[in-house]
N, C-alpha and C. Protein backbone atom coordinates (compact mmCIF):
# COMPACT_ATOMS: atom_id res chain seq x y z
N MET A 1 0.30 241.87 27.01
CA MET A 1 0.22 241.51 25.60
C MET A 1 0.78 240.09 25.42
N VAL A 2 0.01 239.25 24.67
CA VAL A 2 0.44 237.88 24.44
C VAL A 2 1.21 237.81 23.13
N THR A 3 2.42 237.35 23.19
CA THR A 3 3.27 237.23 22.00
C THR A 3 3.39 235.75 21.62
N PRO A 4 3.88 235.48 20.38
CA PRO A 4 4.11 234.07 19.99
C PRO A 4 5.06 233.36 20.94
N GLN A 5 6.05 234.12 21.49
CA GLN A 5 6.98 233.49 22.43
C GLN A 5 6.27 233.08 23.71
N THR A 6 5.31 233.92 24.17
CA THR A 6 4.55 233.59 25.38
C THR A 6 3.70 232.35 25.15
N ASP A 7 3.03 232.29 23.98
CA ASP A 7 2.22 231.11 23.66
C ASP A 7 3.06 229.84 23.64
N ARG A 8 4.26 229.96 23.07
CA ARG A 8 5.13 228.79 22.99
C ARG A 8 5.56 228.33 24.38
N ALA A 9 5.86 229.28 25.25
CA ALA A 9 6.28 228.93 26.61
C ALA A 9 5.16 228.25 27.36
N CYS A 10 3.92 228.74 27.19
CA CYS A 10 2.77 228.13 27.88
C CYS A 10 2.56 226.70 27.38
N LEU A 11 2.70 226.53 26.06
CA LEU A 11 2.51 225.19 25.49
C LEU A 11 3.55 224.22 26.02
N LEU A 12 4.78 224.65 26.12
CA LEU A 12 5.84 223.78 26.63
C LEU A 12 5.59 223.40 28.08
N ARG A 13 5.10 224.39 28.88
CA ARG A 13 4.81 224.08 30.29
C ARG A 13 3.69 223.05 30.40
N CYS A 14 2.68 223.13 29.51
CA CYS A 14 1.57 222.18 29.54
C CYS A 14 2.01 220.79 29.11
N LEU A 15 2.92 220.74 28.12
CA LEU A 15 3.34 219.44 27.60
C LEU A 15 4.40 218.77 28.46
N ALA A 16 5.07 219.51 29.30
CA ALA A 16 6.19 218.96 30.07
C ALA A 16 5.80 217.74 30.88
N PRO A 17 4.68 217.76 31.65
CA PRO A 17 4.32 216.55 32.42
C PRO A 17 4.04 215.35 31.52
N VAL A 18 3.42 215.57 30.35
CA VAL A 18 3.12 214.48 29.43
C VAL A 18 4.40 213.87 28.89
N VAL A 19 5.35 214.74 28.49
CA VAL A 19 6.63 214.25 27.96
C VAL A 19 7.37 213.46 29.03
N PHE A 20 7.34 213.96 30.27
CA PHE A 20 8.02 213.28 31.37
C PHE A 20 7.40 211.91 31.61
N LEU A 21 6.04 211.84 31.58
CA LEU A 21 5.35 210.57 31.83
C LEU A 21 5.67 209.57 30.73
N ALA A 22 5.69 210.02 29.47
CA ALA A 22 6.01 209.13 28.36
C ALA A 22 7.43 208.58 28.49
N ALA A 23 8.36 209.48 28.89
CA ALA A 23 9.74 209.04 29.07
C ALA A 23 9.85 208.03 30.19
N LEU A 24 9.10 208.28 31.27
CA LEU A 24 9.13 207.36 32.41
C LEU A 24 8.56 206.01 32.03
N THR A 25 7.45 206.02 31.26
CA THR A 25 6.84 204.78 30.81
C THR A 25 7.78 203.99 29.93
N GLY A 26 8.47 204.69 29.02
CA GLY A 26 9.42 204.03 28.15
C GLY A 26 10.56 203.40 28.93
N ALA A 27 11.01 204.11 29.96
CA ALA A 27 12.11 203.58 30.78
C ALA A 27 11.67 202.34 31.52
N CYS A 28 10.39 202.30 31.99
CA CYS A 28 9.90 201.16 32.76
C CYS A 28 9.70 199.94 31.88
N SER A 29 9.44 200.13 30.58
CA SER A 29 9.14 199.02 29.69
C SER A 29 10.34 198.59 28.86
N SER A 30 11.53 199.12 29.18
CA SER A 30 12.70 198.83 28.37
C SER A 30 13.55 197.72 28.96
N GLY A 31 12.97 196.88 29.82
CA GLY A 31 13.70 195.77 30.40
C GLY A 31 13.97 194.68 29.36
N PRO A 32 14.75 193.67 29.73
CA PRO A 32 15.05 192.58 28.79
C PRO A 32 13.80 191.81 28.41
N ALA A 33 13.74 191.35 27.17
CA ALA A 33 12.61 190.55 26.71
C ALA A 33 12.61 189.20 27.42
N PRO A 34 11.42 188.67 27.74
CA PRO A 34 11.37 187.37 28.42
C PRO A 34 11.86 186.25 27.51
N ALA A 35 12.46 185.23 28.11
CA ALA A 35 12.85 184.05 27.34
C ALA A 35 11.59 183.32 26.87
N THR A 36 11.66 182.72 25.70
CA THR A 36 10.51 182.01 25.12
C THR A 36 10.77 180.51 25.17
N PHE A 37 9.77 179.78 25.66
CA PHE A 37 9.89 178.33 25.81
C PHE A 37 8.83 177.62 24.98
N ASP A 38 9.25 176.56 24.31
CA ASP A 38 8.35 175.76 23.50
C ASP A 38 7.95 174.51 24.30
N LEU A 39 6.94 173.79 23.79
CA LEU A 39 6.55 172.50 24.32
C LEU A 39 6.92 171.43 23.30
N SER A 40 7.28 170.25 23.76
CA SER A 40 7.72 169.21 22.85
C SER A 40 6.60 168.22 22.56
N ALA A 41 6.78 167.45 21.49
CA ALA A 41 5.84 166.40 21.11
C ALA A 41 6.58 165.07 21.20
N PRO A 42 6.27 164.23 22.19
CA PRO A 42 7.01 162.98 22.36
C PRO A 42 6.76 162.00 21.23
N SER A 43 7.68 161.07 21.09
CA SER A 43 7.57 160.01 20.09
C SER A 43 7.53 158.66 20.77
N ALA A 44 6.60 157.81 20.38
CA ALA A 44 6.51 156.44 20.86
C ALA A 44 5.61 155.69 19.91
N ARG A 45 5.88 154.42 19.68
CA ARG A 45 5.07 153.65 18.75
C ARG A 45 3.87 153.08 19.50
N ILE A 46 2.69 153.54 19.13
CA ILE A 46 1.44 153.10 19.76
C ILE A 46 0.56 152.51 18.68
N ARG A 47 0.17 151.25 18.85
CA ARG A 47 -0.60 150.54 17.83
C ARG A 47 -2.09 150.76 18.05
N GLY A 48 -2.85 150.57 16.97
CA GLY A 48 -4.30 150.63 17.07
C GLY A 48 -4.90 151.76 16.26
N ALA A 49 -6.20 151.61 15.96
CA ALA A 49 -7.02 152.64 15.30
C ALA A 49 -6.45 153.05 13.95
N SER A 50 -5.80 152.13 13.24
CA SER A 50 -5.28 152.47 11.92
C SER A 50 -6.44 152.73 10.96
N GLY A 51 -6.23 153.67 10.07
CA GLY A 51 -7.25 153.99 9.08
C GLY A 51 -8.27 155.01 9.52
N VAL A 52 -8.20 155.47 10.77
CA VAL A 52 -9.16 156.46 11.28
C VAL A 52 -8.60 157.86 11.07
N GLN A 53 -9.50 158.79 10.77
CA GLN A 53 -9.10 160.19 10.66
C GLN A 53 -9.67 160.98 11.83
N VAL A 54 -8.82 161.78 12.48
CA VAL A 54 -9.16 162.49 13.71
C VAL A 54 -8.91 163.99 13.53
N LEU A 55 -9.87 164.79 13.98
CA LEU A 55 -9.67 166.23 14.07
C LEU A 55 -9.44 166.60 15.54
N VAL A 56 -8.40 167.36 15.79
CA VAL A 56 -8.05 167.79 17.15
C VAL A 56 -8.41 169.26 17.30
N ASN A 57 -9.42 169.55 18.10
CA ASN A 57 -9.84 170.93 18.34
C ASN A 57 -8.87 171.63 19.30
N GLU A 58 -8.82 172.95 19.23
CA GLU A 58 -8.06 173.72 20.22
C GLU A 58 -8.75 173.58 21.57
N PRO A 59 -8.01 173.24 22.64
CA PRO A 59 -8.65 173.07 23.94
C PRO A 59 -9.31 174.36 24.44
N ALA A 60 -10.47 174.21 25.04
CA ALA A 60 -11.05 175.34 25.76
C ALA A 60 -10.23 175.58 27.03
N ALA A 61 -10.25 176.80 27.55
CA ALA A 61 -9.47 177.11 28.75
C ALA A 61 -10.00 178.39 29.38
N LEU A 62 -9.84 178.47 30.69
CA LEU A 62 -10.14 179.72 31.38
C LEU A 62 -9.18 180.81 30.91
N GLN A 63 -9.57 182.06 31.16
CA GLN A 63 -8.77 183.19 30.68
C GLN A 63 -7.35 183.15 31.23
N GLN A 64 -7.19 182.71 32.47
CA GLN A 64 -5.85 182.72 33.06
C GLN A 64 -4.90 181.73 32.36
N LEU A 65 -5.47 180.74 31.64
CA LEU A 65 -4.65 179.80 30.88
C LEU A 65 -4.57 180.16 29.41
N SER A 66 -5.41 181.07 28.95
CA SER A 66 -5.39 181.48 27.54
C SER A 66 -4.40 182.62 27.36
N THR A 67 -3.15 182.31 27.56
CA THR A 67 -2.10 183.31 27.59
C THR A 67 -0.77 182.65 27.25
N GLN A 68 0.27 183.46 27.13
CA GLN A 68 1.62 182.92 26.99
C GLN A 68 2.37 182.88 28.32
N GLN A 69 1.74 183.36 29.38
CA GLN A 69 2.41 183.42 30.67
C GLN A 69 2.52 182.04 31.31
N ILE A 70 3.55 181.85 32.13
CA ILE A 70 3.76 180.60 32.88
C ILE A 70 3.12 180.79 34.26
N LEU A 71 2.16 179.95 34.55
CA LEU A 71 1.27 180.14 35.69
C LEU A 71 1.81 179.46 36.95
N VAL A 72 1.61 180.14 38.09
CA VAL A 72 1.89 179.57 39.42
C VAL A 72 0.63 179.71 40.26
N LYS A 73 0.27 178.62 40.96
CA LYS A 73 -0.92 178.67 41.81
C LYS A 73 -0.56 178.12 43.19
N ASP A 74 -0.87 178.89 44.24
CA ASP A 74 -0.54 178.43 45.59
C ASP A 74 -1.71 177.64 46.19
N ALA A 75 -1.52 177.18 47.44
CA ALA A 75 -2.51 176.32 48.08
C ALA A 75 -3.86 177.00 48.26
N SER A 76 -3.88 178.33 48.34
CA SER A 76 -5.13 179.07 48.52
C SER A 76 -5.86 179.29 47.20
N GLY A 77 -5.23 178.94 46.08
CA GLY A 77 -5.82 179.17 44.77
C GLY A 77 -5.40 180.48 44.15
N SER A 78 -4.56 181.25 44.83
CA SER A 78 -4.09 182.52 44.29
C SER A 78 -3.16 182.27 43.10
N VAL A 79 -3.35 183.07 42.05
CA VAL A 79 -2.62 182.87 40.80
C VAL A 79 -1.61 183.99 40.59
N SER A 80 -0.42 183.62 40.14
CA SER A 80 0.59 184.60 39.73
C SER A 80 1.31 184.05 38.51
N PHE A 81 2.20 184.85 37.95
CA PHE A 81 2.92 184.44 36.75
C PHE A 81 4.43 184.58 36.99
N ILE A 82 5.18 183.68 36.39
CA ILE A 82 6.63 183.69 36.53
C ILE A 82 7.22 184.72 35.57
N GLY A 83 8.01 185.62 36.10
CA GLY A 83 8.66 186.61 35.26
C GLY A 83 9.84 186.02 34.51
N GLY A 84 10.21 186.68 33.43
CA GLY A 84 11.40 186.29 32.68
C GLY A 84 11.19 185.17 31.69
N GLY A 85 9.95 184.70 31.51
CA GLY A 85 9.72 183.60 30.57
C GLY A 85 8.29 183.57 30.09
N GLN A 86 8.08 183.03 28.90
CA GLN A 86 6.75 182.90 28.34
C GLN A 86 6.74 181.73 27.36
N TRP A 87 5.54 181.23 27.04
CA TRP A 87 5.40 180.17 26.05
C TRP A 87 5.53 180.74 24.64
N ALA A 88 5.83 179.87 23.70
CA ALA A 88 6.08 180.30 22.33
C ALA A 88 4.81 180.73 21.59
N ASP A 89 3.65 180.41 22.14
CA ASP A 89 2.38 180.78 21.52
C ASP A 89 1.33 180.81 22.63
N ASN A 90 0.14 181.30 22.28
CA ASN A 90 -0.97 181.19 23.22
C ASN A 90 -1.11 179.73 23.63
N LEU A 91 -1.22 179.46 24.93
CA LEU A 91 -1.07 178.11 25.46
C LEU A 91 -2.05 177.09 24.85
N PRO A 92 -3.36 177.35 24.80
CA PRO A 92 -4.24 176.34 24.19
C PRO A 92 -3.88 176.01 22.74
N ARG A 93 -3.51 177.02 21.97
CA ARG A 93 -3.13 176.78 20.57
C ARG A 93 -1.84 175.97 20.50
N LEU A 94 -0.90 176.25 21.40
CA LEU A 94 0.36 175.50 21.42
C LEU A 94 0.13 174.04 21.82
N VAL A 95 -0.75 173.82 22.80
CA VAL A 95 -1.07 172.45 23.22
C VAL A 95 -1.74 171.69 22.08
N GLN A 96 -2.65 172.34 21.35
CA GLN A 96 -3.30 171.70 20.20
C GLN A 96 -2.26 171.26 19.18
N THR A 97 -1.31 172.13 18.85
CA THR A 97 -0.29 171.81 17.87
C THR A 97 0.55 170.63 18.31
N ARG A 98 0.99 170.64 19.58
CA ARG A 98 1.86 169.56 20.05
C ARG A 98 1.09 168.23 20.21
N LEU A 99 -0.20 168.29 20.50
CA LEU A 99 -0.99 167.05 20.55
C LEU A 99 -1.13 166.45 19.15
N ILE A 100 -1.37 167.29 18.16
CA ILE A 100 -1.40 166.80 16.78
C ILE A 100 -0.05 166.17 16.41
N ASN A 101 1.04 166.85 16.77
CA ASN A 101 2.38 166.31 16.49
C ASN A 101 2.61 164.98 17.19
N THR A 102 2.09 164.83 18.41
CA THR A 102 2.26 163.58 19.15
C THR A 102 1.51 162.45 18.47
N PHE A 103 0.29 162.71 17.99
CA PHE A 103 -0.42 161.70 17.21
C PHE A 103 0.39 161.31 15.98
N GLU A 104 0.93 162.29 15.29
CA GLU A 104 1.71 162.01 14.07
C GLU A 104 2.97 161.21 14.40
N ASN A 105 3.59 161.51 15.52
CA ASN A 105 4.83 160.82 15.91
C ASN A 105 4.59 159.41 16.42
N ALA A 106 3.46 159.20 17.12
CA ALA A 106 3.32 158.00 17.93
C ALA A 106 2.30 157.00 17.42
N SER A 107 1.33 157.42 16.63
CA SER A 107 0.18 156.57 16.37
C SER A 107 0.12 156.09 14.94
N GLN A 108 -0.67 155.02 14.74
CA GLN A 108 -0.93 154.52 13.39
C GLN A 108 -2.22 155.10 12.81
N ILE A 109 -2.83 156.04 13.53
CA ILE A 109 -4.02 156.70 13.00
C ILE A 109 -3.68 157.34 11.66
N ARG A 110 -4.57 157.17 10.70
CA ARG A 110 -4.26 157.54 9.32
C ARG A 110 -4.02 159.04 9.14
N GLY A 111 -4.91 159.85 9.70
CA GLY A 111 -4.79 161.28 9.49
C GLY A 111 -5.23 162.06 10.72
N VAL A 112 -4.45 163.06 11.09
CA VAL A 112 -4.77 163.92 12.22
C VAL A 112 -4.56 165.36 11.78
N SER A 113 -5.55 166.22 12.04
CA SER A 113 -5.42 167.61 11.63
C SER A 113 -6.35 168.49 12.45
N ARG A 114 -6.31 169.78 12.16
CA ARG A 114 -7.21 170.75 12.79
C ARG A 114 -8.55 170.78 12.06
N PRO A 115 -9.62 171.19 12.74
CA PRO A 115 -10.90 171.35 12.04
C PRO A 115 -10.82 172.34 10.89
N SER A 116 -9.96 173.36 11.02
CA SER A 116 -9.84 174.38 9.97
C SER A 116 -9.20 173.84 8.70
N SER A 117 -8.66 172.62 8.75
CA SER A 117 -8.01 172.05 7.56
C SER A 117 -9.02 171.67 6.48
N GLY A 118 -10.28 171.50 6.88
CA GLY A 118 -11.30 171.07 5.93
C GLY A 118 -11.32 169.57 5.69
N ALA A 119 -10.50 168.81 6.42
CA ALA A 119 -10.45 167.37 6.25
C ALA A 119 -11.74 166.72 6.74
N VAL A 120 -12.16 165.66 6.08
CA VAL A 120 -13.31 164.87 6.51
C VAL A 120 -12.81 163.83 7.50
N ALA A 121 -13.39 163.83 8.71
CA ALA A 121 -12.87 162.99 9.77
C ALA A 121 -13.91 161.98 10.24
N ASP A 122 -13.43 160.97 10.94
CA ASP A 122 -14.31 160.01 11.60
C ASP A 122 -14.74 160.52 12.97
N VAL A 123 -13.77 161.08 13.72
CA VAL A 123 -14.07 161.60 15.06
C VAL A 123 -13.35 162.91 15.28
N GLN A 124 -13.85 163.67 16.26
CA GLN A 124 -13.18 164.87 16.72
C GLN A 124 -12.82 164.71 18.19
N LEU A 125 -11.70 165.29 18.57
CA LEU A 125 -11.32 165.37 19.98
C LEU A 125 -11.67 166.77 20.48
N VAL A 126 -12.59 166.82 21.44
CA VAL A 126 -13.00 168.08 22.06
C VAL A 126 -12.45 168.06 23.48
N SER A 127 -11.67 169.07 23.84
CA SER A 127 -10.95 169.02 25.11
C SER A 127 -11.01 170.34 25.86
N GLU A 128 -10.62 170.27 27.12
CA GLU A 128 -10.49 171.46 27.96
C GLU A 128 -9.18 171.38 28.72
N LEU A 129 -8.40 172.43 28.63
CA LEU A 129 -7.16 172.53 29.41
C LEU A 129 -7.55 172.99 30.80
N ARG A 130 -7.60 172.06 31.75
CA ARG A 130 -8.10 172.36 33.09
C ARG A 130 -7.03 172.92 34.01
N ARG A 131 -5.83 172.37 33.90
CA ARG A 131 -4.72 172.86 34.74
C ARG A 131 -3.43 172.79 33.93
N PHE A 132 -2.58 173.80 34.10
CA PHE A 132 -1.24 173.79 33.53
C PHE A 132 -0.45 174.83 34.30
N GLU A 133 0.12 174.41 35.43
CA GLU A 133 0.68 175.37 36.37
C GLU A 133 1.74 174.73 37.25
N ILE A 134 2.52 175.57 37.90
CA ILE A 134 3.37 175.14 38.99
C ILE A 134 2.56 175.32 40.28
N SER A 135 2.34 174.21 40.96
CA SER A 135 1.57 174.24 42.20
C SER A 135 2.53 174.36 43.38
N THR A 136 2.36 175.42 44.18
CA THR A 136 3.20 175.62 45.35
C THR A 136 2.35 175.39 46.60
N PRO A 137 2.97 175.06 47.74
CA PRO A 137 4.41 175.11 48.03
C PRO A 137 5.20 173.85 47.69
N ASP A 138 4.54 172.80 47.14
CA ASP A 138 5.28 171.57 46.86
C ASP A 138 6.00 171.61 45.52
N ASN A 139 5.81 172.69 44.75
CA ASN A 139 6.53 172.90 43.49
C ASN A 139 6.34 171.74 42.50
N GLN A 140 5.09 171.40 42.26
CA GLN A 140 4.75 170.36 41.30
C GLN A 140 4.22 171.00 40.01
N ALA A 141 4.74 170.54 38.89
CA ALA A 141 4.21 170.97 37.59
C ALA A 141 3.02 170.06 37.27
N VAL A 142 1.84 170.65 37.15
CA VAL A 142 0.61 169.89 36.98
C VAL A 142 0.01 170.20 35.60
N ALA A 143 -0.25 169.15 34.83
CA ALA A 143 -0.96 169.28 33.55
C ALA A 143 -2.20 168.41 33.63
N GLU A 144 -3.35 168.98 33.31
CA GLU A 144 -4.62 168.24 33.38
C GLU A 144 -5.50 168.66 32.20
N ILE A 145 -5.93 167.68 31.42
CA ILE A 145 -6.76 167.93 30.24
C ILE A 145 -7.92 166.93 30.23
N SER A 146 -9.14 167.43 30.07
CA SER A 146 -10.29 166.55 29.87
C SER A 146 -10.53 166.43 28.37
N VAL A 147 -10.82 165.21 27.91
CA VAL A 147 -10.97 164.94 26.48
C VAL A 147 -12.24 164.15 26.24
N LYS A 148 -12.96 164.51 25.20
CA LYS A 148 -14.12 163.76 24.73
C LYS A 148 -13.89 163.36 23.28
N ILE A 149 -14.20 162.10 22.95
CA ILE A 149 -14.19 161.63 21.58
C ILE A 149 -15.61 161.79 21.04
N VAL A 150 -15.76 162.57 19.99
CA VAL A 150 -17.08 162.89 19.44
C VAL A 150 -17.17 162.37 18.01
N SER A 151 -18.23 161.62 17.72
CA SER A 151 -18.46 161.15 16.35
C SER A 151 -18.70 162.34 15.43
N ASP A 152 -17.94 162.41 14.36
CA ASP A 152 -18.10 163.55 13.45
C ASP A 152 -19.36 163.40 12.59
N ARG A 153 -19.90 162.20 12.53
CA ARG A 153 -21.08 161.97 11.71
C ARG A 153 -22.35 162.48 12.37
N ASP A 154 -22.52 162.20 13.67
CA ASP A 154 -23.78 162.56 14.33
C ASP A 154 -23.61 163.36 15.62
N GLY A 155 -22.35 163.72 15.98
CA GLY A 155 -22.12 164.52 17.18
C GLY A 155 -22.23 163.76 18.48
N ARG A 156 -22.34 162.45 18.43
CA ARG A 156 -22.48 161.65 19.64
C ARG A 156 -21.14 161.57 20.38
N ILE A 157 -21.19 161.73 21.72
CA ILE A 157 -19.98 161.56 22.53
C ILE A 157 -19.73 160.07 22.70
N VAL A 158 -18.62 159.61 22.15
CA VAL A 158 -18.28 158.20 22.18
C VAL A 158 -17.65 157.81 23.52
N ASN A 159 -16.80 158.67 24.02
CA ASN A 159 -16.09 158.37 25.27
C ASN A 159 -15.51 159.66 25.81
N GLY A 160 -15.19 159.67 27.09
CA GLY A 160 -14.58 160.84 27.71
C GLY A 160 -13.70 160.44 28.88
N ARG A 161 -12.69 161.24 29.13
CA ARG A 161 -11.76 160.91 30.21
C ARG A 161 -10.96 162.15 30.58
N ILE A 162 -10.48 162.18 31.83
CA ILE A 162 -9.60 163.26 32.30
C ILE A 162 -8.19 162.69 32.45
N PHE A 163 -7.22 163.39 31.90
CA PHE A 163 -5.82 162.97 31.96
C PHE A 163 -5.03 163.97 32.79
N ARG A 164 -4.20 163.45 33.69
CA ARG A 164 -3.46 164.32 34.59
C ARG A 164 -2.08 163.74 34.86
N ALA A 165 -1.08 164.61 34.94
CA ALA A 165 0.27 164.21 35.30
C ALA A 165 0.89 165.30 36.15
N SER A 166 1.78 164.89 37.04
CA SER A 166 2.46 165.83 37.94
C SER A 166 3.94 165.49 37.99
N ILE A 167 4.78 166.49 37.78
CA ILE A 167 6.24 166.33 37.75
C ILE A 167 6.86 167.36 38.69
N PRO A 168 7.81 166.97 39.56
CA PRO A 168 8.45 167.96 40.44
C PRO A 168 9.25 168.99 39.64
N ALA A 169 9.15 170.25 40.04
CA ALA A 169 9.97 171.31 39.47
C ALA A 169 11.10 171.61 40.44
N SER A 170 12.32 171.62 39.97
CA SER A 170 13.46 171.81 40.86
C SER A 170 13.54 173.23 41.42
N ALA A 171 12.92 174.19 40.73
CA ALA A 171 12.88 175.58 41.20
C ALA A 171 11.72 176.28 40.51
N VAL A 172 11.20 177.31 41.18
CA VAL A 172 10.10 178.07 40.59
C VAL A 172 10.67 179.27 39.85
N ASP A 173 11.35 178.98 38.75
CA ASP A 173 11.81 180.02 37.84
C ASP A 173 11.44 179.58 36.43
N ALA A 174 11.60 180.47 35.47
CA ALA A 174 11.08 180.19 34.13
C ALA A 174 11.68 178.93 33.50
N PRO A 175 13.01 178.74 33.48
CA PRO A 175 13.55 177.54 32.82
C PRO A 175 13.11 176.24 33.47
N ASN A 176 13.17 176.17 34.81
CA ASN A 176 12.81 174.93 35.50
C ASN A 176 11.32 174.66 35.46
N ALA A 177 10.50 175.71 35.55
CA ALA A 177 9.05 175.54 35.46
C ALA A 177 8.66 175.06 34.07
N ALA A 178 9.23 175.67 33.03
CA ALA A 178 8.91 175.28 31.66
C ALA A 178 9.31 173.83 31.40
N ARG A 179 10.48 173.44 31.91
CA ARG A 179 10.96 172.07 31.69
C ARG A 179 10.02 171.05 32.37
N ALA A 180 9.63 171.32 33.60
CA ALA A 180 8.77 170.39 34.33
C ALA A 180 7.37 170.32 33.70
N LEU A 181 6.84 171.46 33.30
CA LEU A 181 5.51 171.47 32.67
C LEU A 181 5.54 170.74 31.33
N ASP A 182 6.63 170.89 30.60
CA ASP A 182 6.77 170.18 29.32
C ASP A 182 6.77 168.67 29.56
N GLU A 183 7.46 168.21 30.58
CA GLU A 183 7.49 166.78 30.90
C GLU A 183 6.11 166.28 31.30
N ALA A 184 5.40 167.05 32.11
CA ALA A 184 4.06 166.65 32.54
C ALA A 184 3.11 166.57 31.35
N LEU A 185 3.18 167.55 30.45
CA LEU A 185 2.31 167.54 29.29
C LEU A 185 2.64 166.37 28.36
N SER A 186 3.91 166.02 28.24
CA SER A 186 4.29 164.88 27.39
C SER A 186 3.65 163.59 27.89
N VAL A 187 3.62 163.40 29.20
CA VAL A 187 2.96 162.22 29.78
C VAL A 187 1.48 162.22 29.43
N VAL A 188 0.84 163.37 29.61
CA VAL A 188 -0.60 163.49 29.33
C VAL A 188 -0.88 163.23 27.85
N MET A 189 -0.11 163.81 26.96
CA MET A 189 -0.39 163.66 25.53
C MET A 189 -0.20 162.22 25.06
N LEU A 190 0.83 161.54 25.57
CA LEU A 190 1.00 160.13 25.21
C LEU A 190 -0.15 159.28 25.74
N ASP A 191 -0.62 159.60 26.93
CA ASP A 191 -1.78 158.87 27.48
C ASP A 191 -3.02 159.10 26.62
N ILE A 192 -3.21 160.33 26.13
CA ILE A 192 -4.35 160.63 25.26
C ILE A 192 -4.25 159.84 23.96
N VAL A 193 -3.09 159.85 23.35
CA VAL A 193 -2.90 159.12 22.09
C VAL A 193 -3.11 157.62 22.31
N ARG A 194 -2.59 157.09 23.39
CA ARG A 194 -2.75 155.66 23.71
C ARG A 194 -4.23 155.31 23.90
N TRP A 195 -4.95 156.20 24.60
CA TRP A 195 -6.38 155.97 24.87
C TRP A 195 -7.20 156.03 23.59
N VAL A 196 -6.97 157.05 22.77
CA VAL A 196 -7.72 157.17 21.52
C VAL A 196 -7.40 156.00 20.59
N SER A 197 -6.13 155.65 20.48
CA SER A 197 -5.73 154.57 19.58
C SER A 197 -6.30 153.22 20.01
N GLY A 198 -6.52 153.05 21.31
CA GLY A 198 -7.05 151.79 21.82
C GLY A 198 -8.57 151.75 21.92
N SER A 199 -9.24 152.84 21.55
CA SER A 199 -10.70 152.91 21.65
C SER A 199 -11.36 152.38 20.38
N GLN A 200 -12.60 151.92 20.52
CA GLN A 200 -13.40 151.53 19.36
C GLN A 200 -14.01 152.81 18.78
N LEU A 201 -13.46 153.26 17.68
CA LEU A 201 -13.86 154.55 17.12
C LEU A 201 -14.85 154.35 15.97
N PRO A 202 -15.91 155.16 15.94
CA PRO A 202 -16.86 155.06 14.83
C PRO A 202 -16.22 155.56 13.54
N ARG A 203 -16.65 154.99 12.42
CA ARG A 203 -16.17 155.41 11.11
C ARG A 203 -17.24 156.26 10.44
N ARG A 204 -16.79 157.18 9.63
CA ARG A 204 -17.74 158.03 8.91
C ARG A 204 -18.21 157.27 7.66
N GLU A 205 -19.13 156.35 7.89
CA GLU A 205 -19.64 155.51 6.81
C GLU A 205 -21.11 155.83 6.58
N ASP A 206 -21.69 155.24 5.57
CA ASP A 206 -23.09 155.48 5.27
C ASP A 206 -23.96 154.94 6.41
N PRO A 207 -24.81 155.77 7.04
CA PRO A 207 -25.63 155.31 8.17
C PRO A 207 -26.49 154.11 7.83
N GLY A 208 -27.01 154.06 6.59
CA GLY A 208 -27.85 152.93 6.20
C GLY A 208 -27.08 151.64 6.18
N THR A 209 -25.85 151.71 5.67
CA THR A 209 -24.99 150.53 5.64
C THR A 209 -24.65 150.06 7.04
N ALA A 210 -24.37 151.05 7.94
CA ALA A 210 -24.04 150.72 9.32
C ALA A 210 -25.22 150.04 9.99
N ALA A 211 -26.44 150.57 9.77
CA ALA A 211 -27.64 150.01 10.41
C ALA A 211 -27.89 148.61 9.90
N ALA A 212 -27.71 148.38 8.59
CA ALA A 212 -27.91 147.06 8.03
C ALA A 212 -26.95 146.05 8.63
N GLY A 213 -25.71 146.51 8.84
CA GLY A 213 -24.73 145.64 9.43
C GLY A 213 -25.06 145.28 10.87
N GLU A 214 -25.62 146.26 11.61
CA GLU A 214 -25.96 146.00 13.01
C GLU A 214 -27.15 145.07 13.13
N ASP A 215 -28.08 145.12 12.11
CA ASP A 215 -29.28 144.29 12.19
C ASP A 215 -29.02 142.87 11.76
N ARG A 216 -27.94 142.66 11.04
CA ARG A 216 -27.65 141.32 10.53
C ARG A 216 -27.21 140.41 11.64
N ALA A 217 -27.91 139.31 11.86
CA ALA A 217 -27.57 138.38 12.94
C ALA A 217 -26.36 137.56 12.54
N PRO A 218 -25.49 137.22 13.49
CA PRO A 218 -24.32 136.40 13.15
C PRO A 218 -24.74 135.01 12.74
N ALA A 219 -23.98 134.42 11.84
CA ALA A 219 -24.31 133.06 11.37
C ALA A 219 -24.00 132.05 12.46
């Protein structure tokens, strides 16, 4: 004869492995939270391109870089992540923010913002985050970004370039890796700002006026 007590005992026996597994999972995930590291935006006075408005797009990136994890890549191309640390935001979004900040800190460009701001711009920066890792066994922090200047009026690619910097990391742990990668990215971002500021950038002007100006022969 099956009694309520028997049913309860059977239920407890069935649930016991599930309860044990949940407890074990909770124990495994209860370690200390990883330290969070930000990226900085350097300041330097860079002349040129005053009066131009620029939109900075979020860099495209492979999935392994579209994360908050700090990446390590060995000579064979094998990828791993450094434990105990993470970036303050998804990496491409964080790089976009700090590049905008670097333009604001360093350049005479009139306005710099995201495409989502709704601002009317002269040019857009379209980029790809190609590398951002600690390269072993030489322990170099490598930052590499390809950038294209695109006319916002007609979508024409005005110029393009790849920027790369490498800084030694004193150790392959979260604090030292983050510090070295931050330094490498600062070099790259200043080079990007210097390059854009020194380029001949198209203005978002009336195409007819521009054509008339180009057809007019010098006196």
